[in-house]
Amino acid sequence: MSKILSIVLIVLAFALIIYNVTMVNFESPLEGNSIIAIIGIVASLCAIVLLLIYMTSKKIEKKINEN
């Protein structure tokens, strides 16, 4: 996976987080559609963390292969 694709996926995950935050009813965040939005926010955060770990591992692999 190229670096550009990783960055695009991270930006899409941030966009999903922003969209899902607008869907949360802060009066009752654990009821109805709000819980689905919270699950979406957590899933997007997990995707961002996984992509950042992947990008870091590729940088480490590149440095190891240079030596």
PDB file of N, CA and C in Angstrom:
ATOM      1  N   MET A   1       0.862  -1.168   0.000  1.00  0.00           N
ATOM      2  CA  MET A   1       0.000   0.000   0.000  1.00  0.00           C
ATOM      3  C   MET A   1       0.905   1.227   0.000  1.00  0.00           C
ATOM      4  N   SER A   2       0.624   2.151  -0.887  1.00  0.00           N
ATOM      5  CA  SER A   2       1.475   3.322  -1.002  1.00  0.00           C
ATOM      6  C   SER A   2       1.164   4.334   0.102  1.00  0.00           C
ATOM      7  N   LYS A   3       2.081   5.261   0.241  1.00  0.00           N
ATOM      8  CA  LYS A   3       1.936   6.275   1.280  1.00  0.00           C
ATOM      9  C   LYS A   3       0.740   7.178   0.988  1.00  0.00           C
ATOM     10  N   ILE A   4       0.525   7.473  -0.286  1.00  0.00           N
ATOM     11  CA  ILE A   4      -0.592   8.345  -0.661  1.00  0.00           C
ATOM     12  C   ILE A   4      -1.920   7.692  -0.308  1.00  0.00           C
ATOM     13  N   LEU A   5      -2.053   6.394  -0.570  1.00  0.00           N
ATOM     14  CA  LEU A   5      -3.283   5.685  -0.238  1.00  0.00           C
ATOM     15  C   LEU A   5      -3.522   5.675   1.272  1.00  0.00           C
ATOM     16  N   SER A   6      -2.460   5.496   2.038  1.00  0.00           N
ATOM     17  CA  SER A   6      -2.586   5.523   3.497  1.00  0.00           C
ATOM     18  C   SER A   6      -3.069   6.880   3.983  1.00  0.00           C
ATOM     19  N   ILE A   7      -2.519   7.934   3.422  1.00  0.00           N
ATOM     20  CA  ILE A   7      -2.926   9.280   3.819  1.00  0.00           C
ATOM     21  C   ILE A   7      -4.378   9.540   3.439  1.00  0.00           C
ATOM     22  N   VAL A   8      -4.790   9.098   2.255  1.00  0.00           N
ATOM     23  CA  VAL A   8      -6.179   9.268   1.820  1.00  0.00           C
ATOM     24  C   VAL A   8      -7.123   8.522   2.765  1.00  0.00           C
ATOM     25  N   LEU A   9      -6.749   7.311   3.163  1.00  0.00           N
ATOM     26  CA  LEU A   9      -7.587   6.545   4.084  1.00  0.00           C
ATOM     27  C   LEU A   9      -7.678   7.200   5.456  1.00  0.00           C
ATOM     28  N   ILE A  10      -6.591   7.791   5.914  1.00  0.00           N
ATOM     29  CA  ILE A  10      -6.611   8.505   7.194  1.00  0.00           C
ATOM     30  C   ILE A  10      -7.532   9.722   7.107  1.00  0.00           C
ATOM     31  N   VAL A  11      -7.459  10.444   6.007  1.00  0.00           N
ATOM     32  CA  VAL A  11      -8.329  11.612   5.826  1.00  0.00           C
ATOM     33  C   VAL A  11      -9.793  11.173   5.779  1.00  0.00           C
ATOM     34  N   LEU A  12     -10.088  10.071   5.100  1.00  0.00           N
ATOM     35  CA  LEU A  12     -11.461   9.558   5.059  1.00  0.00           C
ATOM     36  C   LEU A  12     -11.940   9.145   6.450  1.00  0.00           C
ATOM     37  N   ALA A  13     -11.052   8.553   7.235  1.00  0.00           N
ATOM     38  CA  ALA A  13     -11.425   8.172   8.595  1.00  0.00           C
ATOM     39  C   ALA A  13     -11.725   9.406   9.441  1.00  0.00           C
ATOM     40  N   PHE A  14     -10.934  10.467   9.273  1.00  0.00           N
ATOM     41  CA  PHE A  14     -11.226  11.713   9.990  1.00  0.00           C
ATOM     42  C   PHE A  14     -12.570  12.293   9.555  1.00  0.00           C
ATOM     43  N   ALA A  15     -12.862  12.214   8.259  1.00  0.00           N
ATOM     44  CA  ALA A  15     -14.150  12.708   7.768  1.00  0.00           C
ATOM     45  C   ALA A  15     -15.300  11.914   8.375  1.00  0.00           C
ATOM     46  N   LEU A  16     -15.126  10.602   8.506  1.00  0.00           N
ATOM     47  CA  LEU A  16     -16.157   9.787   9.144  1.00  0.00           C
ATOM     48  C   LEU A  16     -16.330  10.139  10.615  1.00  0.00           C
ATOM     49  N   ILE A  17     -15.236  10.444  11.283  1.00  0.00           N
ATOM     50  CA  ILE A  17     -15.328  10.860  12.686  1.00  0.00           C
ATOM     51  C   ILE A  17     -16.137  12.152  12.799  1.00  0.00           C
ATOM     52  N   ILE A  18     -15.839  13.113  11.945  1.00  0.00           N
ATOM     53  CA  ILE A  18     -16.551  14.388  11.985  1.00  0.00           C
ATOM     54  C   ILE A  18     -18.034  14.177  11.701  1.00  0.00           C
ATOM     55  N   TYR A  19     -18.335  13.348  10.707  1.00  0.00           N
ATOM     56  CA  TYR A  19     -19.739  13.074  10.382  1.00  0.00           C
ATOM     57  C   TYR A  19     -20.455  12.400  11.557  1.00  0.00           C
ATOM     58  N   ASN A  20     -19.815  11.419  12.150  1.00  0.00           N
ATOM     59  CA  ASN A  20     -20.447  10.695  13.253  1.00  0.00           C
ATOM     60  C   ASN A  20     -20.617  11.556  14.502  1.00  0.00           C
ATOM     61  N   VAL A  21     -19.717  12.496  14.720  1.00  0.00           N
ATOM     62  CA  VAL A  21     -19.875  13.403  15.863  1.00  0.00           C
ATOM     63  C   VAL A  21     -21.132  14.239  15.684  1.00  0.00           C
ATOM     64  N   THR A  22     -21.446  14.601  14.446  1.00  0.00           N
ATOM     65  CA  THR A  22     -22.663  15.382  14.219  1.00  0.00           C
ATOM     66  C   THR A  22     -23.921  14.552  14.445  1.00  0.00           C
ATOM     67  N   MET A  23     -23.800  13.232  14.393  1.00  0.00           N
ATOM     68  CA  MET A  23     -24.956  12.355  14.567  1.00  0.00           C
ATOM     69  C   MET A  23     -25.233  12.001  16.030  1.00  0.00           C
ATOM     70  N   VAL A  24     -24.283  12.292  16.920  1.00  0.00           N
ATOM     71  CA  VAL A  24     -24.438  11.930  18.325  1.00  0.00           C
ATOM     72  C   VAL A  24     -25.387  12.917  19.004  1.00  0.00           C
ATOM     73  N   ASN A  25     -26.359  12.376  19.710  1.00  0.00           N
ATOM     74  CA  ASN A  25     -27.249  13.188  20.544  1.00  0.00           C
ATOM     75  C   ASN A  25     -26.612  13.248  21.934  1.00  0.00           C
ATOM     76  N   PHE A  26     -26.088  14.409  22.293  1.00  0.00           N
ATOM     77  CA  PHE A  26     -25.340  14.521  23.536  1.00  0.00           C
ATOM     78  C   PHE A  26     -26.236  14.520  24.770  1.00  0.00           C
ATOM     79  N   GLU A  27     -27.529  14.627  24.576  1.00  0.00           N
ATOM     80  CA  GLU A  27     -28.473  14.511  25.695  1.00  0.00           C
ATOM     81  C   GLU A  27     -28.567  13.058  26.173  1.00  0.00           C
ATOM     82  N   SER A  28     -28.563  12.126  25.207  1.00  0.00           N
ATOM     83  CA  SER A  28     -28.595  10.691  25.544  1.00  0.00           C
ATOM     84  C   SER A  28     -27.680   9.951  24.570  1.00  0.00           C
ATOM     85  N   PRO A  29     -26.369   9.966  24.847  1.00  0.00           N
ATOM     86  CA  PRO A  29     -25.402   9.429  23.883  1.00  0.00           C
ATOM     87  C   PRO A  29     -25.409   7.908  23.746  1.00  0.00           C
ATOM     88  N   LEU A  30     -26.041   7.196  24.663  1.00  0.00           N
ATOM     89  CA  LEU A  30     -26.018   5.735  24.587  1.00  0.00           C
ATOM     90  C   LEU A  30     -27.363   5.143  24.182  1.00  0.00           C
ATOM     91  N   GLU A  31     -28.179   5.917  23.491  1.00  0.00           N
ATOM     92  CA  GLU A  31     -29.485   5.436  23.068  1.00  0.00           C
ATOM     93  C   GLU A  31     -29.682   5.693  21.580  1.00  0.00           C
ATOM     94  N   GLY A  32     -30.382   4.774  20.918  1.00  0.00           N
ATOM     95  CA  GLY A  32     -30.781   4.956  19.527  1.00  0.00           C
ATOM     96  C   GLY A  32     -29.610   5.049  18.568  1.00  0.00           C
ATOM     97  N   ASN A  33     -29.700   6.023  17.664  1.00  0.00           N
ATOM     98  CA  ASN A  33     -28.670   6.186  16.639  1.00  0.00           C
ATOM     99  C   ASN A  33     -27.362   6.739  17.190  1.00  0.00           C
ATOM    100  N   SER A  34     -27.403   7.303  18.381  1.00  0.00           N
ATOM    101  CA  SER A  34     -26.187   7.857  18.969  1.00  0.00           C
ATOM    102  C   SER A  34     -25.164   6.763  19.254  1.00  0.00           C
ATOM    103  N   ILE A  35     -25.606   5.618  19.695  1.00  0.00           N
ATOM    104  CA  ILE A  35     -24.663   4.528  19.972  1.00  0.00           C
ATOM    105  C   ILE A  35     -24.014   4.031  18.694  1.00  0.00           C
ATOM    106  N   ILE A  36     -24.768   4.033  17.596  1.00  0.00           N
ATOM    107  CA  ILE A  36     -24.194   3.639  16.306  1.00  0.00           C
ATOM    108  C   ILE A  36     -23.138   4.652  15.877  1.00  0.00           C
ATOM    109  N   ALA A  37     -23.398   5.935  16.094  1.00  0.00           N
ATOM    110  CA  ALA A  37     -22.426   6.962  15.756  1.00  0.00           C
ATOM    111  C   ALA A  37     -21.172   6.831  16.617  1.00  0.00           C
ATOM    112  N   ILE A  38     -21.334   6.514  17.881  1.00  0.00           N
ATOM    113  CA  ILE A  38     -20.174   6.341  18.766  1.00  0.00           C
ATOM    114  C   ILE A  38     -19.349   5.134  18.322  1.00  0.00           C
ATOM    115  N   ILE A  39     -20.015   4.058  17.925  1.00  0.00           N
ATOM    116  CA  ILE A  39     -19.297   2.886  17.411  1.00  0.00           C
ATOM    117  C   ILE A  39     -18.528   3.261  16.143  1.00  0.00           C
ATOM    118  N   GLY A  40     -19.129   4.074  15.296  1.00  0.00           N
ATOM    119  CA  GLY A  40     -18.448   4.542  14.089  1.00  0.00           C
ATOM    120  C   GLY A  40     -17.233   5.386  14.399  1.00  0.00           C
ATOM    121  N   ILE A  41     -17.335   6.222  15.426  1.00  0.00           N
ATOM    122  CA  ILE A  41     -16.200   7.050  15.831  1.00  0.00           C
ATOM    123  C   ILE A  41     -15.052   6.174  16.325  1.00  0.00           C
ATOM    124  N   VAL A  42     -15.379   5.200  17.168  1.00  0.00           N
ATOM    125  CA  VAL A  42     -14.348   4.303  17.709  1.00  0.00           C
ATOM    126  C   VAL A  42     -13.712   3.476  16.590  1.00  0.00           C
ATOM    127  N   ALA A  43     -14.524   3.007  15.647  1.00  0.00           N
ATOM    128  CA  ALA A  43     -13.992   2.222  14.531  1.00  0.00           C
ATOM    129  C   ALA A  43     -13.066   3.067  13.661  1.00  0.00           C
ATOM    130  N   SER A  44     -13.425   4.306  13.435  1.00  0.00           N
ATOM    131  CA  SER A  44     -12.566   5.189  12.645  1.00  0.00           C
ATOM    132  C   SER A  44     -11.255   5.474  13.362  1.00  0.00           C
ATOM    133  N   LEU A  45     -11.321   5.665  14.674  1.00  0.00           N
ATOM    134  CA  LEU A  45     -10.090   5.870  15.438  1.00  0.00           C
ATOM    135  C   LEU A  45      -9.185   4.639  15.380  1.00  0.00           C
ATOM    136  N   CYS A  46      -9.788   3.457  15.439  1.00  0.00           N
ATOM    137  CA  CYS A  46      -9.009   2.220  15.324  1.00  0.00           C
ATOM    138  C   CYS A  46      -8.353   2.114  13.955  1.00  0.00           C
ATOM    139  N   ALA A  47      -9.083   2.488  12.915  1.00  0.00           N
ATOM    140  CA  ALA A  47      -8.522   2.446  11.565  1.00  0.00           C
ATOM    141  C   ALA A  47      -7.338   3.397  11.433  1.00  0.00           C
ATOM    142  N   ILE A  48      -7.451   4.579  12.030  1.00  0.00           N
ATOM    143  CA  ILE A  48      -6.346   5.541  11.974  1.00  0.00           C
ATOM    144  C   ILE A  48      -5.125   4.993  12.697  1.00  0.00           C
ATOM    145  N   VAL A  49      -5.335   4.403  13.872  1.00  0.00           N
ATOM    146  CA  VAL A  49      -4.208   3.837  14.632  1.00  0.00           C
ATOM    147  C   VAL A  49      -3.546   2.712  13.848  1.00  0.00           C
ATOM    148  N   LEU A  50      -4.343   1.842  13.250  1.00  0.00           N
ATOM    149  CA  LEU A  50      -3.776   0.749  12.473  1.00  0.00           C
ATOM    150  C   LEU A  50      -2.989   1.256  11.270  1.00  0.00           C
ATOM    151  N   LEU A  51      -3.499   2.266  10.595  1.00  0.00           N
ATOM    152  CA  LEU A  51      -2.771   2.825   9.453  1.00  0.00           C
ATOM    153  C   LEU A  51      -1.469   3.490   9.887  1.00  0.00           C
ATOM    154  N   LEU A  52      -1.484   4.168  11.023  1.00  0.00           N
ATOM    155  CA  LEU A  52      -0.254   4.783  11.515  1.00  0.00           C
ATOM    156  C   LEU A  52       0.773   3.726  11.918  1.00  0.00           C
ATOM    157  N   ILE A  53       0.326   2.640  12.524  1.00  0.00           N
ATOM    158  CA  ILE A  53       1.231   1.534  12.857  1.00  0.00           C
ATOM    159  C   ILE A  53       1.811   0.932  11.589  1.00  0.00           C
ATOM    160  N   TYR A  54       0.968   0.767  10.575  1.00  0.00           N
ATOM    161  CA  TYR A  54       1.436   0.207   9.300  1.00  0.00           C
ATOM    162  C   TYR A  54       2.487   1.115   8.663  1.00  0.00           C
ATOM    163  N   MET A  55       2.235   2.424   8.657  1.00  0.00           N
ATOM    164  CA  MET A  55       3.195   3.352   8.067  1.00  0.00           C
ATOM    165  C   MET A  55       4.518   3.342   8.834  1.00  0.00           C
ATOM    166  N   THR A  56       4.443   3.251  10.164  1.00  0.00           N
ATOM    167  CA  THR A  56       5.655   3.192  10.975  1.00  0.00           C
ATOM    168  C   THR A  56       6.434   1.913  10.714  1.00  0.00           C
ATOM    169  N   SER A  57       5.734   0.803  10.580  1.00  0.00           N
ATOM    170  CA  SER A  57       6.422  -0.464  10.316  1.00  0.00           C
ATOM    171  C   SER A  57       7.099  -0.450   8.951  1.00  0.00           C
ATOM    172  N   LYS A  58       6.487   0.210   7.982  1.00  0.00           N
ATOM    173  CA  LYS A  58       7.118   0.315   6.656  1.00  0.00           C
ATOM    174  C   LYS A  58       8.383   1.164   6.720  1.00  0.00           C
ATOM    175  N   LYS A  59       8.372   2.240   7.534  1.00  0.00           N
ATOM    176  CA  LYS A  59       9.572   3.063   7.699  1.00  0.00           C
ATOM    177  C   LYS A  59      10.687   2.257   8.360  1.00  0.00           C
ATOM    178  N   ILE A  60      10.337   1.458   9.369  1.00  0.00           N
ATOM    179  CA  ILE A  60      11.330   0.631  10.052  1.00  0.00           C
ATOM    180  C   ILE A  60      11.889  -0.413   9.094  1.00  0.00           C
ATOM    181  N   GLU A  61      11.008  -1.031   8.314  1.00  0.00           N
ATOM    182  CA  GLU A  61      11.454  -2.042   7.339  1.00  0.00           C
ATOM    183  C   GLU A  61      12.404  -1.426   6.317  1.00  0.00           C
ATOM    184  N   LYS A  62      12.113  -0.215   5.892  1.00  0.00           N
ATOM    185  CA  LYS A  62      12.972   0.467   4.914  1.00  0.00           C
ATOM    186  C   LYS A  62      14.351   0.733   5.519  1.00  0.00           C
ATOM    187  N   LYS A  63      14.405   1.173   6.788  1.00  0.00           N
ATOM    188  CA  LYS A  63      15.686   1.439   7.429  1.00  0.00           C
ATOM    189  C   LYS A  63      16.491   0.168   7.636  1.00  0.00           C
ATOM    190  N   ILE A  64      15.803  -0.922   7.959  1.00  0.00           N
ATOM    191  CA  ILE A  64      16.493  -2.198   8.165  1.00  0.00           C
ATOM    192  C   ILE A  64      17.086  -2.694   6.853  1.00  0.00           C
ATOM    193  N   ASN A  65      16.355  -2.547   5.769  1.00  0.00           N
ATOM    194  CA  ASN A  65      16.822  -3.016   4.478  1.00  0.00           C
ATOM    195  C   ASN A  65      17.953  -2.166   3.926  1.00  0.00           C
ATOM    196  N   GLU A  66      18.081  -0.907   4.378  1.00  0.00           N
ATOM    197  CA  GLU A  66      19.187  -0.061   3.923  1.00  0.00           C
ATOM    198  C   GLU A  66      20.511  -0.524   4.508  1.00  0.00           C
ATOM    199  N   ASN A  67      20.501  -1.098   5.687  1.00  0.00           N
ATOM    200  CA  ASN A  67      21.753  -1.525   6.349  1.00  0.00           C
ATOM    201  C   ASN A  67      22.165  -2.839   5.876  1.00  0.00           C
TER     202      ASN A  67
END
